[in-house]
Each structure stands twice: as C-alpha cells, then as structure tokens.
Amino acid sequence: MKASLHIRRLHHQARKGTDLEKTMAVFVLDKKKQPLMPFSEKRARLLLERGRAVVVRLDPFTIRLKDRVGGETQLLRLQQEQNG
C-alpha cells in the first residue's frame, strides 16, 4: 500500500468525531534519523509521492527525509487520544 494512502486513511480516522480545524501533524526525521519539526500532512504526502521521503513508522506516523540533514527543531510533547 502506498504511503500517501496511509496518510489519507489516518487523516480520515482522525477527523471522525473531531473538529475539522484540527490537522494531523506528521513527525519527520532527517537523513541521519534526527527529529525535525513536524510537517503538515499535505507536505508529507507530496514528499512521499516525489520520492524525497520514506515511511518509518505508522503509529505515530513518521517519515524520514532522504535528502536533508539538520534543520529547525523545537521541543514537542506527544499526546495520544485513548479510544473507548
């Protein structure tokens, strides 16, 4: 299954029963597997379609850039919603 299809499915699942204003952030790693600032799902989908990134994990959805080392970072906190 293509990675861009994974993003669309995850986005659809995230939108069910939630505000449409919330957007899914895609976690990003550079070429050396160091964390970068999250991307929007649109930017991640374009990078995957153009072959400039690969999927590393599905939960949480994380991509690794093939052609970028280093960049802007910021401390973030991951919070997962519990179903049930």
Protein backbone atom coordinates (compact mmCIF):
# COMPACT_ATOMS: atom_id res chain seq x y z
CA MET A 1 0.00 0.00 0.00
CA LYS A 2 1.33 3.45 -0.89
CA ALA A 3 2.42 5.73 1.93
CA SER A 4 0.23 8.60 0.72
CA LEU A 5 -2.80 6.31 1.09
CA HIS A 6 -1.76 5.66 4.71
CA ILE A 7 -1.77 9.41 5.36
CA ARG A 8 -5.22 9.81 3.84
CA ARG A 9 -6.62 6.93 5.91
CA LEU A 10 -5.06 8.22 9.12
CA HIS A 11 -6.37 11.71 8.39
CA HIS A 12 -9.87 10.34 7.78
CA GLN A 13 -9.76 8.39 11.04
CA ALA A 14 -8.51 11.45 12.94
CA ARG A 15 -11.36 13.58 11.58
CA LYS A 16 -14.13 11.21 12.67
CA GLY A 17 -15.96 12.83 15.56
CA THR A 18 -13.42 15.64 15.99
CA ASP A 19 -13.21 19.27 14.97
CA LEU A 20 -12.30 19.72 11.32
CA GLU A 21 -10.00 22.56 12.38
CA LYS A 22 -7.53 20.11 13.91
CA THR A 23 -4.96 18.90 11.42
CA MET A 24 -2.74 15.88 11.67
CA ALA A 25 0.95 16.60 12.13
CA VAL A 26 3.40 14.19 10.54
CA PHE A 27 6.58 13.55 12.51
CA VAL A 28 9.75 13.99 10.47
CA LEU A 29 13.31 12.68 10.73
CA ASP A 30 16.27 13.91 8.71
CA LYS A 31 18.67 11.71 6.73
CA LYS A 32 20.60 10.88 9.93
CA LYS A 33 17.36 9.99 11.78
CA GLN A 34 17.38 13.15 13.92
CA PRO A 35 13.95 14.71 14.64
CA LEU A 36 12.81 17.83 12.80
CA MET A 37 9.72 20.00 13.16
CA PRO A 38 6.51 18.18 12.17
CA PHE A 39 5.12 18.74 8.68
CA SER A 40 1.53 19.13 7.56
CA GLU A 41 0.01 16.02 6.04
CA LYS A 42 -0.09 17.74 2.64
CA ARG A 43 3.64 18.48 2.65
CA ALA A 44 4.43 14.93 3.82
CA ARG A 45 2.21 13.43 1.10
CA LEU A 46 3.97 15.49 -1.59
CA LEU A 47 7.42 14.47 -0.35
CA LEU A 48 6.41 10.79 -0.33
CA GLU A 49 4.90 10.98 -3.82
CA ARG A 50 8.05 12.65 -5.19
CA GLY A 51 10.30 10.01 -3.60
CA ARG A 52 12.03 12.50 -1.29
CA ALA A 53 10.86 10.72 1.89
CA VAL A 54 10.10 7.23 3.19
CA VAL A 55 7.73 5.99 5.89
CA VAL A 56 9.48 4.99 9.10
CA ARG A 57 6.51 4.28 11.40
CA LEU A 58 2.75 4.18 11.07
CA ASP A 59 1.88 4.90 14.72
CA PRO A 60 2.66 7.72 15.22
CA PHE A 61 3.01 8.36 11.51
CA THR A 62 6.65 9.31 10.89
CA ILE A 63 8.62 9.92 7.72
CA ARG A 64 12.36 10.21 7.06
CA LEU A 65 13.69 12.67 4.51
CA LYS A 66 16.21 11.21 2.07
CA ASP A 67 17.97 14.45 1.17
CA ARG A 68 18.05 16.69 4.23
CA VAL A 69 20.36 16.78 7.25
CA GLY A 70 19.67 19.08 10.20
CA GLY A 71 17.16 21.87 10.36
CA GLU A 72 14.85 23.68 12.71
CA THR A 73 13.80 21.79 15.82
CA GLN A 74 11.64 22.52 18.84
CA LEU A 75 10.71 20.52 21.93
CA LEU A 76 7.30 18.92 21.44
CA ARG A 77 5.05 16.72 23.53
CA LEU A 78 3.16 13.80 22.01
CA GLN A 79 -0.33 13.18 23.32
CA GLN A 80 -2.34 10.22 22.09
CA GLU A 81 -6.10 10.04 22.47
CA GLN A 82 -7.45 6.89 24.02
CA ASN A 83 -10.35 5.23 22.23
CA GLY A 84 -13.03 3.86 24.41
